[in-house]
Amino acid sequence: MSGREALAVLGLAAADPRQLRKAYLAAVKAVHPDKPGGDAERLRRVIEAYEVLLARPSPAACPPPRPASRQLEITPAEAMLGGAVSVPLQGGGAMSLQIPPGLRVGDLVAVSGGALTVSIIAADGLAIVGNHLCLTLKVEKSILSAGGDVQARTPRGPLNLNISPQDGARGLVHVAGGGLPERGHHPRGDLLVKLEALAAPVFESKARVLLRRFAASWAA
């Protein structure tokens, strides 16, 4: 999806970070499959558009960077499970901080002398969008067309998924309650698995293998 298409999906004229998240949340609410008139394919496109615009922000719309001491960067797994994280300190060094599970982007974590603003960075093929955990899973083309069982790796451990032909056709599996845990005013999120076909293996005939080995031996 191009940047222009992504802007159109979210109804934006420019990738202004101040409006992007607001437009994304409104679009998710409008097209979520659990809502009347919702549609999983439209939800997949909304998520893809958001990821495209996050990865390619408009330089003119980017706010000034915050001081490193005011940011708490965590991974999706840390956001889901909580635990001990290392926070860089100005002037060098780091401190260990215990964080609760279920932190969202923009939440504040109290530390000595102030608070840190949470930022969740994509890692290990995982991303957090709002309350939801998003991951990409590569599966055999036969499963996309006919359905079947696959296993996805999540921060909570392996998860068995039964993919229907309908899931494969739309390229998305929606697992209710599989996202960030409920915390404060934040509701429990869902797991959104984007399905992609594995690349077909390159077939090499026995004769071609023998010829390649012969050529290598001759060159040696």
N, C-alpha and C. Protein backbone atom coordinates (compact mmCIF):
# COMPACT_ATOMS: atom_id res chain seq x y z
N MET A 1 0.85 -1.19 0.00
CA MET A 1 0.00 0.00 0.00
C MET A 1 0.89 1.25 0.00
N SER A 2 0.60 2.19 -0.91
CA SER A 2 1.38 3.41 -0.99
C SER A 2 0.94 4.39 0.10
N GLY A 3 1.78 5.40 0.33
CA GLY A 3 1.43 6.42 1.30
C GLY A 3 0.15 7.15 0.94
N ARG A 4 -0.04 7.40 -0.37
CA ARG A 4 -1.24 8.10 -0.81
C ARG A 4 -2.49 7.26 -0.55
N GLU A 5 -2.39 5.94 -0.83
CA GLU A 5 -3.52 5.05 -0.55
C GLU A 5 -3.81 4.99 0.94
N ALA A 6 -2.75 4.93 1.75
CA ALA A 6 -2.93 4.87 3.19
C ALA A 6 -3.66 6.11 3.71
N LEU A 7 -3.29 7.28 3.19
CA LEU A 7 -3.97 8.51 3.60
C LEU A 7 -5.45 8.46 3.23
N ALA A 8 -5.74 7.93 2.04
CA ALA A 8 -7.13 7.84 1.60
C ALA A 8 -7.94 6.89 2.47
N VAL A 9 -7.34 5.76 2.87
CA VAL A 9 -8.05 4.79 3.71
C VAL A 9 -8.45 5.42 5.04
N LEU A 10 -7.56 6.25 5.60
CA LEU A 10 -7.84 6.87 6.90
C LEU A 10 -8.48 8.25 6.77
N GLY A 11 -8.72 8.69 5.52
CA GLY A 11 -9.38 9.98 5.31
C GLY A 11 -8.55 11.17 5.73
N LEU A 12 -7.24 11.10 5.51
CA LEU A 12 -6.33 12.17 5.90
C LEU A 12 -5.74 12.86 4.68
N ALA A 13 -5.42 14.14 4.84
CA ALA A 13 -4.75 14.87 3.77
C ALA A 13 -3.24 14.77 3.89
N ALA A 14 -2.75 14.58 5.12
CA ALA A 14 -1.32 14.46 5.37
C ALA A 14 -1.11 13.59 6.59
N ALA A 15 0.10 13.01 6.70
CA ALA A 15 0.41 12.10 7.81
C ALA A 15 0.81 12.89 9.05
N ASP A 16 -0.10 13.73 9.54
CA ASP A 16 0.15 14.51 10.74
C ASP A 16 0.02 13.61 11.96
N PRO A 17 1.09 13.41 12.73
CA PRO A 17 1.01 12.51 13.89
C PRO A 17 -0.08 12.88 14.87
N ARG A 18 -0.44 14.18 14.93
CA ARG A 18 -1.48 14.61 15.86
C ARG A 18 -2.85 14.14 15.43
N GLN A 19 -3.05 13.92 14.13
CA GLN A 19 -4.34 13.47 13.62
C GLN A 19 -4.36 11.99 13.26
N LEU A 20 -3.19 11.39 13.05
CA LEU A 20 -3.11 10.01 12.57
C LEU A 20 -3.76 9.04 13.53
N ARG A 21 -3.37 9.09 14.80
CA ARG A 21 -3.93 8.15 15.77
C ARG A 21 -5.43 8.34 15.93
N LYS A 22 -5.87 9.59 15.96
CA LYS A 22 -7.31 9.88 16.09
C LYS A 22 -8.08 9.30 14.91
N ALA A 23 -7.56 9.49 13.69
CA ALA A 23 -8.23 8.96 12.50
C ALA A 23 -8.21 7.44 12.49
N TYR A 24 -7.09 6.85 12.94
CA TYR A 24 -6.99 5.39 12.99
C TYR A 24 -8.03 4.79 13.95
N LEU A 25 -8.12 5.33 15.15
CA LEU A 25 -9.06 4.81 16.14
C LEU A 25 -10.50 4.93 15.66
N ALA A 26 -10.81 6.05 15.00
CA ALA A 26 -12.16 6.23 14.47
C ALA A 26 -12.45 5.22 13.37
N ALA A 27 -11.45 4.95 12.51
CA ALA A 27 -11.64 3.99 11.42
C ALA A 27 -11.80 2.56 11.95
N VAL A 28 -10.99 2.19 12.96
CA VAL A 28 -11.10 0.85 13.55
C VAL A 28 -12.49 0.67 14.16
N LYS A 29 -12.97 1.68 14.85
CA LYS A 29 -14.29 1.59 15.48
C LYS A 29 -15.38 1.42 14.43
N ALA A 30 -15.21 2.06 13.27
CA ALA A 30 -16.24 2.01 12.23
C ALA A 30 -16.28 0.68 11.49
N VAL A 31 -15.11 0.03 11.33
CA VAL A 31 -15.07 -1.17 10.48
C VAL A 31 -14.81 -2.46 11.25
N HIS A 32 -14.69 -2.39 12.58
CA HIS A 32 -14.38 -3.60 13.38
C HIS A 32 -15.43 -4.67 13.13
N PRO A 33 -15.00 -5.92 12.90
CA PRO A 33 -15.96 -7.01 12.60
C PRO A 33 -17.00 -7.24 13.68
N ASP A 34 -16.71 -6.86 14.91
CA ASP A 34 -17.68 -7.05 15.99
C ASP A 34 -18.78 -6.00 15.99
N LYS A 35 -18.62 -4.97 15.17
CA LYS A 35 -19.62 -3.90 15.10
C LYS A 35 -20.56 -4.15 13.92
N PRO A 36 -21.82 -3.71 14.03
CA PRO A 36 -22.75 -3.84 12.89
C PRO A 36 -22.19 -3.17 11.65
N GLY A 37 -22.18 -3.87 10.56
CA GLY A 37 -21.64 -3.33 9.32
C GLY A 37 -20.14 -3.41 9.22
N GLY A 38 -19.49 -4.00 10.25
CA GLY A 38 -18.04 -4.12 10.22
C GLY A 38 -17.57 -5.13 9.19
N ASP A 39 -16.30 -5.05 8.86
CA ASP A 39 -15.77 -5.93 7.82
C ASP A 39 -14.29 -6.19 8.09
N ALA A 40 -13.88 -7.46 8.14
CA ALA A 40 -12.52 -7.82 8.48
C ALA A 40 -11.52 -7.33 7.43
N GLU A 41 -11.90 -7.36 6.15
CA GLU A 41 -10.99 -6.91 5.10
C GLU A 41 -10.74 -5.41 5.22
N ARG A 42 -11.78 -4.64 5.51
CA ARG A 42 -11.61 -3.19 5.69
C ARG A 42 -10.76 -2.91 6.92
N LEU A 43 -10.94 -3.72 7.98
CA LEU A 43 -10.12 -3.55 9.18
C LEU A 43 -8.65 -3.82 8.86
N ARG A 44 -8.39 -4.88 8.06
CA ARG A 44 -7.02 -5.19 7.67
C ARG A 44 -6.39 -4.03 6.92
N ARG A 45 -7.15 -3.39 6.03
CA ARG A 45 -6.63 -2.26 5.26
C ARG A 45 -6.39 -1.05 6.16
N VAL A 46 -7.25 -0.84 7.13
CA VAL A 46 -7.06 0.27 8.08
C VAL A 46 -5.76 0.08 8.86
N ILE A 47 -5.54 -1.16 9.35
CA ILE A 47 -4.32 -1.45 10.11
C ILE A 47 -3.09 -1.28 9.22
N GLU A 48 -3.17 -1.79 7.98
CA GLU A 48 -2.03 -1.66 7.06
C GLU A 48 -1.74 -0.20 6.76
N ALA A 49 -2.80 0.61 6.57
CA ALA A 49 -2.62 2.03 6.29
C ALA A 49 -1.95 2.72 7.47
N TYR A 50 -2.36 2.38 8.68
CA TYR A 50 -1.77 2.98 9.87
C TYR A 50 -0.28 2.63 9.97
N GLU A 51 0.05 1.35 9.71
CA GLU A 51 1.44 0.92 9.78
C GLU A 51 2.29 1.62 8.72
N VAL A 52 1.73 1.80 7.51
CA VAL A 52 2.45 2.48 6.44
C VAL A 52 2.77 3.92 6.83
N LEU A 53 1.78 4.61 7.38
CA LEU A 53 1.98 6.02 7.74
C LEU A 53 2.87 6.18 8.96
N LEU A 54 2.85 5.19 9.86
CA LEU A 54 3.77 5.24 10.99
C LEU A 54 5.21 5.07 10.52
N ALA A 55 5.40 4.18 9.53
CA ALA A 55 6.74 3.90 9.02
C ALA A 55 7.26 5.01 8.12
N ARG A 56 6.34 5.76 7.50
CA ARG A 56 6.76 6.82 6.58
C ARG A 56 6.05 8.13 6.94
N PRO A 57 6.35 8.67 8.11
CA PRO A 57 5.72 9.93 8.51
C PRO A 57 6.19 11.10 7.65
N SER A 58 5.35 12.09 7.56
CA SER A 58 5.73 13.30 6.84
C SER A 58 6.74 14.07 7.67
N PRO A 59 7.95 14.35 7.15
CA PRO A 59 8.97 15.04 7.95
C PRO A 59 8.48 16.37 8.50
N ALA A 60 7.66 17.09 7.72
CA ALA A 60 7.19 18.39 8.17
C ALA A 60 6.21 18.27 9.33
N ALA A 61 5.58 17.09 9.46
CA ALA A 61 4.57 16.92 10.50
C ALA A 61 5.13 16.31 11.77
N CYS A 62 6.39 15.94 11.73
CA CYS A 62 6.97 15.27 12.90
C CYS A 62 7.20 16.27 14.02
N PRO A 63 6.72 15.97 15.23
CA PRO A 63 6.97 16.88 16.35
C PRO A 63 8.41 16.81 16.78
N PRO A 64 8.92 17.81 17.48
CA PRO A 64 10.29 17.76 17.97
C PRO A 64 10.49 16.54 18.86
N PRO A 65 11.64 15.88 18.76
CA PRO A 65 11.88 14.70 19.60
C PRO A 65 11.91 15.07 21.07
N ARG A 66 11.34 14.18 21.89
CA ARG A 66 11.38 14.40 23.33
C ARG A 66 12.74 13.99 23.88
N PRO A 67 13.14 14.57 24.97
CA PRO A 67 14.41 14.14 25.58
C PRO A 67 14.38 12.66 25.91
N ALA A 68 15.52 12.00 25.75
CA ALA A 68 15.56 10.56 25.97
C ALA A 68 15.12 10.18 27.38
N SER A 69 15.40 11.08 28.36
CA SER A 69 15.06 10.77 29.74
C SER A 69 13.57 10.77 29.99
N ARG A 70 12.74 11.32 29.02
CA ARG A 70 11.31 11.38 29.21
C ARG A 70 10.59 10.27 28.49
N GLN A 71 11.30 9.43 27.77
CA GLN A 71 10.69 8.37 27.00
C GLN A 71 10.97 7.01 27.64
N LEU A 72 9.98 6.16 27.60
CA LEU A 72 10.17 4.77 28.01
C LEU A 72 9.79 3.90 26.83
N GLU A 73 10.80 3.41 26.12
CA GLU A 73 10.56 2.55 24.95
C GLU A 73 10.49 1.10 25.41
N ILE A 74 9.37 0.44 25.09
CA ILE A 74 9.20 -0.96 25.43
C ILE A 74 8.75 -1.72 24.19
N THR A 75 8.90 -3.03 24.24
CA THR A 75 8.48 -3.89 23.12
C THR A 75 7.03 -4.33 23.33
N PRO A 76 6.39 -4.85 22.28
CA PRO A 76 5.04 -5.38 22.45
C PRO A 76 4.95 -6.45 23.53
N ALA A 77 5.96 -7.31 23.62
CA ALA A 77 5.95 -8.36 24.64
C ALA A 77 5.99 -7.75 26.03
N GLU A 78 6.81 -6.71 26.22
CA GLU A 78 6.88 -6.05 27.52
C GLU A 78 5.59 -5.32 27.84
N ALA A 79 4.95 -4.77 26.81
CA ALA A 79 3.67 -4.08 27.03
C ALA A 79 2.60 -5.08 27.49
N MET A 80 2.63 -6.29 26.97
CA MET A 80 1.63 -7.30 27.32
C MET A 80 1.89 -7.92 28.69
N LEU A 81 3.16 -8.24 28.95
CA LEU A 81 3.48 -9.04 30.13
C LEU A 81 4.01 -8.22 31.31
N GLY A 82 4.50 -7.02 31.04
CA GLY A 82 5.13 -6.25 32.10
C GLY A 82 6.46 -6.86 32.49
N GLY A 83 6.99 -6.46 33.65
CA GLY A 83 8.26 -7.01 34.13
C GLY A 83 9.33 -5.96 34.22
N ALA A 84 10.56 -6.40 34.36
CA ALA A 84 11.69 -5.49 34.53
C ALA A 84 12.20 -5.04 33.17
N VAL A 85 12.40 -3.74 33.01
CA VAL A 85 12.97 -3.16 31.79
C VAL A 85 14.12 -2.25 32.17
N SER A 86 15.01 -2.04 31.23
CA SER A 86 16.17 -1.18 31.46
C SER A 86 15.91 0.18 30.83
N VAL A 87 16.10 1.24 31.58
CA VAL A 87 15.86 2.60 31.11
C VAL A 87 17.18 3.36 31.05
N PRO A 88 17.61 3.83 29.86
CA PRO A 88 18.86 4.60 29.76
C PRO A 88 18.75 5.90 30.54
N LEU A 89 19.85 6.30 31.14
CA LEU A 89 19.91 7.54 31.90
C LEU A 89 20.74 8.57 31.16
N GLN A 90 20.38 9.83 31.31
CA GLN A 90 21.19 10.89 30.72
C GLN A 90 22.57 10.87 31.37
N GLY A 91 23.58 11.00 30.54
CA GLY A 91 24.93 10.97 31.06
C GLY A 91 25.50 9.57 31.13
N GLY A 92 24.74 8.57 30.64
CA GLY A 92 25.23 7.21 30.64
C GLY A 92 24.64 6.37 31.74
N GLY A 93 24.77 5.07 31.58
CA GLY A 93 24.22 4.15 32.56
C GLY A 93 22.76 3.86 32.32
N ALA A 94 22.18 3.06 33.17
CA ALA A 94 20.78 2.68 33.04
C ALA A 94 20.23 2.30 34.41
N MET A 95 18.91 2.34 34.51
CA MET A 95 18.27 1.89 35.73
C MET A 95 17.24 0.83 35.39
N SER A 96 16.99 -0.06 36.32
CA SER A 96 16.00 -1.11 36.14
C SER A 96 14.66 -0.62 36.67
N LEU A 97 13.61 -0.83 35.88
CA LEU A 97 12.29 -0.35 36.24
C LEU A 97 11.29 -1.49 36.09
N GLN A 98 10.44 -1.68 37.08
CA GLN A 98 9.41 -2.70 37.03
C GLN A 98 8.13 -2.08 36.48
N ILE A 99 7.66 -2.59 35.35
CA ILE A 99 6.46 -2.02 34.74
C ILE A 99 5.30 -3.02 34.83
N PRO A 100 4.07 -2.53 34.90
CA PRO A 100 2.90 -3.42 34.96
C PRO A 100 2.52 -3.90 33.56
N PRO A 101 1.80 -5.01 33.44
CA PRO A 101 1.31 -5.44 32.13
C PRO A 101 0.19 -4.52 31.65
N GLY A 102 0.08 -4.40 30.33
CA GLY A 102 -1.03 -3.64 29.75
C GLY A 102 -0.76 -2.18 29.50
N LEU A 103 0.50 -1.75 29.50
CA LEU A 103 0.78 -0.35 29.19
C LEU A 103 0.44 -0.05 27.73
N ARG A 104 -0.07 1.15 27.49
CA ARG A 104 -0.38 1.61 26.14
C ARG A 104 0.52 2.79 25.77
N VAL A 105 0.57 3.08 24.47
CA VAL A 105 1.32 4.25 24.00
C VAL A 105 0.74 5.50 24.64
N GLY A 106 1.60 6.33 25.19
CA GLY A 106 1.16 7.57 25.81
C GLY A 106 0.91 7.47 27.30
N ASP A 107 0.86 6.25 27.86
CA ASP A 107 0.71 6.11 29.30
C ASP A 107 1.94 6.69 30.00
N LEU A 108 1.75 7.11 31.23
CA LEU A 108 2.84 7.66 32.02
C LEU A 108 3.25 6.67 33.11
N VAL A 109 4.54 6.50 33.27
CA VAL A 109 5.10 5.64 34.30
C VAL A 109 5.91 6.51 35.25
N ALA A 110 5.53 6.50 36.51
CA ALA A 110 6.19 7.35 37.50
C ALA A 110 7.58 6.83 37.82
N VAL A 111 8.53 7.75 37.87
CA VAL A 111 9.89 7.45 38.30
C VAL A 111 10.34 8.56 39.23
N SER A 112 11.45 8.36 39.86
CA SER A 112 11.97 9.38 40.77
C SER A 112 12.22 10.68 40.01
N GLY A 113 11.59 11.74 40.43
CA GLY A 113 11.79 13.03 39.81
C GLY A 113 10.88 13.33 38.65
N GLY A 114 9.89 12.50 38.37
CA GLY A 114 8.97 12.80 37.27
C GLY A 114 8.27 11.56 36.75
N ALA A 115 8.03 11.55 35.43
CA ALA A 115 7.33 10.44 34.80
C ALA A 115 7.86 10.23 33.39
N LEU A 116 7.75 9.01 32.91
CA LEU A 116 8.17 8.66 31.55
C LEU A 116 6.93 8.37 30.71
N THR A 117 6.98 8.82 29.45
CA THR A 117 5.89 8.56 28.52
C THR A 117 6.18 7.28 27.74
N VAL A 118 5.22 6.37 27.74
CA VAL A 118 5.43 5.06 27.11
C VAL A 118 5.38 5.15 25.59
N SER A 119 6.36 4.52 24.96
CA SER A 119 6.40 4.35 23.52
C SER A 119 6.62 2.87 23.24
N ILE A 120 5.78 2.26 22.40
CA ILE A 120 5.90 0.83 22.12
C ILE A 120 6.44 0.66 20.71
N ILE A 121 7.62 0.06 20.60
CA ILE A 121 8.27 -0.11 19.30
C ILE A 121 8.04 -1.53 18.79
N ALA A 122 7.84 -1.65 17.49
CA ALA A 122 7.66 -2.98 16.90
C ALA A 122 8.93 -3.80 17.08
N ALA A 123 8.76 -5.07 17.40
CA ALA A 123 9.91 -5.96 17.61
C ALA A 123 9.48 -7.40 17.46
N ASP A 124 10.39 -8.23 16.93
CA ASP A 124 10.15 -9.67 16.78
C ASP A 124 8.88 -9.97 15.98
N GLY A 125 8.62 -9.13 14.98
CA GLY A 125 7.45 -9.37 14.14
C GLY A 125 6.13 -8.99 14.78
N LEU A 126 6.18 -8.30 15.93
CA LEU A 126 4.98 -7.91 16.65
C LEU A 126 4.85 -6.39 16.68
N ALA A 127 3.62 -5.92 16.73
CA ALA A 127 3.36 -4.48 16.87
C ALA A 127 2.10 -4.31 17.70
N ILE A 128 2.02 -3.18 18.37
CA ILE A 128 0.82 -2.83 19.13
C ILE A 128 0.14 -1.68 18.42
N VAL A 129 -1.15 -1.83 18.12
CA VAL A 129 -1.94 -0.77 17.51
C VAL A 129 -3.15 -0.56 18.40
N GLY A 130 -3.16 0.56 19.13
CA GLY A 130 -4.23 0.78 20.08
C GLY A 130 -4.17 -0.25 21.21
N ASN A 131 -5.22 -1.03 21.34
CA ASN A 131 -5.26 -2.09 22.35
C ASN A 131 -4.88 -3.45 21.77
N HIS A 132 -4.65 -3.49 20.47
CA HIS A 132 -4.51 -4.76 19.78
C HIS A 132 -3.05 -5.16 19.53
N LEU A 133 -2.82 -6.46 19.59
CA LEU A 133 -1.53 -7.03 19.22
C LEU A 133 -1.62 -7.49 17.77
N CYS A 134 -0.68 -7.04 16.95
CA CYS A 134 -0.68 -7.40 15.52
C CYS A 134 0.59 -8.18 15.20
N LEU A 135 0.43 -9.27 14.48
CA LEU A 135 1.59 -10.03 14.03
C LEU A 135 1.34 -10.55 12.63
N THR A 136 2.43 -10.80 11.93
CA THR A 136 2.35 -11.35 10.58
C THR A 136 2.80 -12.80 10.62
N LEU A 137 2.01 -13.67 10.01
CA LEU A 137 2.29 -15.10 10.03
C LEU A 137 2.35 -15.61 8.59
N LYS A 138 3.47 -16.23 8.24
CA LYS A 138 3.61 -16.80 6.91
C LYS A 138 3.17 -18.26 6.94
N VAL A 139 2.28 -18.63 6.02
CA VAL A 139 1.73 -19.98 5.99
C VAL A 139 1.77 -20.52 4.56
N GLU A 140 1.61 -21.82 4.45
CA GLU A 140 1.60 -22.44 3.13
C GLU A 140 0.40 -21.95 2.31
N LYS A 141 0.60 -21.82 1.02
CA LYS A 141 -0.49 -21.37 0.15
C LYS A 141 -1.68 -22.31 0.21
N SER A 142 -1.41 -23.60 0.40
CA SER A 142 -2.51 -24.57 0.46
C SER A 142 -3.42 -24.29 1.65
N ILE A 143 -2.84 -23.82 2.76
CA ILE A 143 -3.65 -23.51 3.94
C ILE A 143 -4.47 -22.25 3.69
N LEU A 144 -3.90 -21.29 2.99
CA LEU A 144 -4.66 -20.08 2.67
C LEU A 144 -5.88 -20.40 1.82
N SER A 145 -5.76 -21.37 0.94
CA SER A 145 -6.87 -21.69 0.04
C SER A 145 -7.85 -22.70 0.63
N ALA A 146 -7.33 -23.69 1.36
CA ALA A 146 -8.19 -24.77 1.85
C ALA A 146 -8.41 -24.73 3.36
N GLY A 147 -7.64 -23.92 4.07
CA GLY A 147 -7.75 -23.90 5.53
C GLY A 147 -6.85 -24.94 6.18
N GLY A 148 -6.70 -24.84 7.49
CA GLY A 148 -5.88 -25.79 8.22
C GLY A 148 -5.40 -25.21 9.53
N ASP A 149 -4.66 -26.00 10.28
CA ASP A 149 -4.16 -25.59 11.59
C ASP A 149 -2.72 -25.12 11.48
N VAL A 150 -2.41 -24.01 12.14
CA VAL A 150 -1.06 -23.47 12.20
C VAL A 150 -0.79 -23.01 13.63
N GLN A 151 0.46 -22.70 13.91
CA GLN A 151 0.84 -22.23 15.24
C GLN A 151 1.51 -20.88 15.13
N ALA A 152 1.07 -19.95 15.95
CA ALA A 152 1.65 -18.61 15.98
C ALA A 152 2.38 -18.41 17.29
N ARG A 153 3.49 -17.70 17.24
CA ARG A 153 4.26 -17.39 18.45
C ARG A 153 3.82 -16.03 18.98
N THR A 154 3.33 -16.00 20.21
CA THR A 154 2.88 -14.78 20.84
C THR A 154 3.66 -14.59 22.14
N PRO A 155 3.61 -13.40 22.72
CA PRO A 155 4.31 -13.19 24.00
C PRO A 155 3.84 -14.12 25.10
N ARG A 156 2.62 -14.62 25.00
CA ARG A 156 2.10 -15.53 26.02
C ARG A 156 2.43 -16.99 25.70
N GLY A 157 3.11 -17.22 24.60
CA GLY A 157 3.47 -18.57 24.22
C GLY A 157 2.84 -18.97 22.90
N PRO A 158 3.08 -20.22 22.45
CA PRO A 158 2.52 -20.69 21.18
C PRO A 158 0.99 -20.68 21.22
N LEU A 159 0.39 -20.31 20.10
CA LEU A 159 -1.06 -20.27 20.00
C LEU A 159 -1.48 -21.04 18.75
N ASN A 160 -2.31 -22.05 18.93
CA ASN A 160 -2.81 -22.83 17.80
C ASN A 160 -3.98 -22.09 17.16
N LEU A 161 -3.90 -21.93 15.86
CA LEU A 161 -4.94 -21.24 15.10
C LEU A 161 -5.54 -22.18 14.07
N ASN A 162 -6.85 -22.18 13.99
CA ASN A 162 -7.53 -22.92 12.92
C ASN A 162 -7.96 -21.91 11.86
N ILE A 163 -7.27 -21.96 10.73
CA ILE A 163 -7.53 -21.01 9.66
C ILE A 163 -8.58 -21.57 8.71
N SER A 164 -9.65 -20.84 8.53
CA SER A 164 -10.68 -21.25 7.59
C SER A 164 -10.34 -20.71 6.20
N PRO A 165 -10.94 -21.27 5.15
CA PRO A 165 -10.71 -20.72 3.81
C PRO A 165 -11.09 -19.24 3.73
N GLN A 166 -12.10 -18.84 4.51
CA GLN A 166 -12.50 -17.43 4.51
C GLN A 166 -11.40 -16.56 5.12
N ASP A 167 -10.79 -17.06 6.21
CA ASP A 167 -9.65 -16.34 6.80
C ASP A 167 -8.53 -16.18 5.79
N GLY A 168 -8.23 -17.29 5.09
CA GLY A 168 -7.14 -17.25 4.12
C GLY A 168 -7.42 -16.28 2.98
N ALA A 169 -8.69 -16.21 2.55
CA ALA A 169 -9.05 -15.33 1.45
C ALA A 169 -8.89 -13.86 1.83
N ARG A 170 -9.23 -13.50 3.06
CA ARG A 170 -9.12 -12.11 3.47
C ARG A 170 -7.76 -11.79 4.07
N GLY A 171 -6.95 -12.84 4.34
CA GLY A 171 -5.60 -12.63 4.85
C GLY A 171 -5.53 -12.14 6.27
N LEU A 172 -6.54 -12.50 7.09
CA LEU A 172 -6.57 -12.00 8.46
C LEU A 172 -7.30 -12.98 9.36
N VAL A 173 -6.72 -13.22 10.54
CA VAL A 173 -7.39 -13.98 11.59
C VAL A 173 -7.56 -13.07 12.79
N HIS A 174 -8.77 -13.03 13.31
CA HIS A 174 -9.10 -12.16 14.44
C HIS A 174 -9.37 -13.03 15.66
N VAL A 175 -8.54 -12.85 16.70
CA VAL A 175 -8.70 -13.63 17.94
C VAL A 175 -9.13 -12.66 19.04
N ALA A 176 -10.39 -12.73 19.43
CA ALA A 176 -10.92 -11.83 20.45
C ALA A 176 -10.20 -12.05 21.78
N GLY A 177 -9.79 -10.96 22.42
CA GLY A 177 -9.17 -11.04 23.73
C GLY A 177 -7.71 -11.43 23.72
N GLY A 178 -7.10 -11.51 22.55
CA GLY A 178 -5.70 -11.94 22.47
C GLY A 178 -4.70 -10.81 22.48
N GLY A 179 -5.16 -9.57 22.70
CA GLY A 179 -4.26 -8.42 22.67
C GLY A 179 -3.81 -8.00 24.06
N LEU A 180 -3.62 -6.69 24.23
CA LEU A 180 -3.18 -6.19 25.52
C LEU A 180 -4.23 -6.45 26.60
N PRO A 181 -3.80 -6.75 27.82
CA PRO A 181 -4.77 -7.00 28.89
C PRO A 181 -5.47 -5.71 29.30
N GLU A 182 -6.63 -5.85 29.90
CA GLU A 182 -7.36 -4.69 30.41
C GLU A 182 -6.53 -3.99 31.49
N ARG A 183 -6.53 -2.66 31.44
CA ARG A 183 -5.79 -1.90 32.45
C ARG A 183 -6.40 -0.52 32.58
N GLY A 184 -6.84 -0.16 33.78
CA GLY A 184 -7.45 1.13 33.99
C GLY A 184 -8.66 1.31 33.09
N HIS A 185 -8.67 2.41 32.34
CA HIS A 185 -9.80 2.66 31.43
C HIS A 185 -9.61 1.99 30.08
N HIS A 186 -8.50 1.29 29.89
CA HIS A 186 -8.25 0.62 28.62
C HIS A 186 -8.92 -0.75 28.60
N PRO A 187 -9.74 -1.05 27.59
CA PRO A 187 -10.34 -2.39 27.49
C PRO A 187 -9.32 -3.41 27.00
N ARG A 188 -9.65 -4.68 27.17
CA ARG A 188 -8.79 -5.75 26.67
C ARG A 188 -8.78 -5.70 25.15
N GLY A 189 -7.59 -5.89 24.57
CA GLY A 189 -7.46 -5.84 23.12
C GLY A 189 -7.56 -7.21 22.47
N ASP A 190 -7.51 -7.22 21.17
CA ASP A 190 -7.59 -8.45 20.38
C ASP A 190 -6.26 -8.76 19.71
N LEU A 191 -6.15 -9.98 19.23
CA LEU A 191 -4.99 -10.39 18.43
C LEU A 191 -5.40 -10.38 16.97
N LEU A 192 -4.65 -9.66 16.15
CA LEU A 192 -4.91 -9.58 14.72
C LEU A 192 -3.73 -10.19 13.99
N VAL A 193 -3.96 -11.32 13.34
CA VAL A 193 -2.90 -12.06 12.66
C VAL A 193 -3.04 -11.84 11.15
N LYS A 194 -2.06 -11.17 10.58
CA LYS A 194 -2.03 -10.95 9.13
C LYS A 194 -1.39 -12.17 8.47
N LEU A 195 -2.09 -12.78 7.55
CA LEU A 195 -1.61 -14.00 6.90
C LEU A 195 -0.92 -13.68 5.58
N GLU A 196 0.26 -14.26 5.40
CA GLU A 196 1.00 -14.10 4.14
C GLU A 196 1.45 -15.47 3.66
N ALA A 197 1.46 -15.64 2.35
CA ALA A 197 1.85 -16.93 1.78
C ALA A 197 3.36 -17.09 1.81
N LEU A 198 3.80 -18.29 2.16
CA LEU A 198 5.22 -18.61 2.08
C LEU A 198 5.67 -18.63 0.63
N ALA A 199 6.88 -18.18 0.38
CA ALA A 199 7.42 -18.23 -0.97
C ALA A 199 7.59 -19.68 -1.39
N ALA A 200 7.22 -19.97 -2.63
CA ALA A 200 7.35 -21.34 -3.13
C ALA A 200 8.83 -21.71 -3.24
N PRO A 201 9.20 -22.92 -2.79
CA PRO A 201 10.61 -23.33 -2.90
C PRO A 201 11.04 -23.47 -4.36
N VAL A 202 12.25 -23.10 -4.62
CA VAL A 202 12.79 -23.21 -5.98
C VAL A 202 13.12 -24.68 -6.26
N PHE A 203 12.49 -25.23 -7.30
CA PHE A 203 12.71 -26.64 -7.63
C PHE A 203 13.97 -26.79 -8.48
N GLU A 204 14.78 -27.74 -8.09
CA GLU A 204 16.01 -28.02 -8.83
C GLU A 204 16.04 -29.52 -9.14
N SER A 205 16.04 -29.84 -10.43
CA SER A 205 16.01 -31.24 -10.84
C SER A 205 17.30 -31.95 -10.45
N LYS A 206 17.23 -33.28 -10.39
CA LYS A 206 18.41 -34.09 -10.04
C LYS A 206 19.53 -33.88 -11.06
N ALA A 207 19.15 -33.76 -12.32
CA ALA A 207 20.16 -33.56 -13.37
C ALA A 207 20.87 -32.22 -13.18
N ARG A 208 20.11 -31.18 -12.81
CA ARG A 208 20.70 -29.87 -12.62
C ARG A 208 21.62 -29.87 -11.40
N VAL A 209 21.25 -30.61 -10.35
CA VAL A 209 22.10 -30.71 -9.17
C VAL A 209 23.43 -31.35 -9.53
N LEU A 210 23.38 -32.47 -10.32
CA LEU A 210 24.59 -33.16 -10.73
C LEU A 210 25.47 -32.27 -11.60
N LEU A 211 24.82 -31.51 -12.51
CA LEU A 211 25.57 -30.62 -13.38
C LEU A 211 26.26 -29.52 -12.57
N ARG A 212 25.57 -28.97 -11.57
CA ARG A 212 26.15 -27.93 -10.74
C ARG A 212 27.33 -28.47 -9.96
N ARG A 213 27.22 -29.69 -9.44
CA ARG A 213 28.32 -30.29 -8.68
C ARG A 213 29.52 -30.57 -9.60
N PHE A 214 29.24 -31.01 -10.81
CA PHE A 214 30.31 -31.29 -11.77
C PHE A 214 31.06 -29.99 -12.11
N ALA A 215 30.29 -28.90 -12.33
CA ALA A 215 30.91 -27.64 -12.67
C ALA A 215 31.78 -27.12 -11.52
N ALA A 216 31.29 -27.32 -10.29
CA ALA A 216 32.05 -26.87 -9.13
C ALA A 216 33.34 -27.68 -9.00
N SER A 217 33.27 -29.00 -9.23
CA SER A 217 34.46 -29.85 -9.13
C SER A 217 35.44 -29.50 -10.23
N TRP A 218 34.96 -29.23 -11.42
CA TRP A 218 35.84 -28.90 -12.55
C TRP A 218 36.56 -27.58 -12.28
N ALA A 219 35.83 -26.61 -11.71
CA ALA A 219 36.44 -25.30 -11.44
C ALA A 219 37.52 -25.41 -10.38
N ALA A 220 37.31 -26.36 -9.45
CA ALA A 220 38.29 -26.52 -8.38
C ALA A 220 39.58 -27.14 -8.93
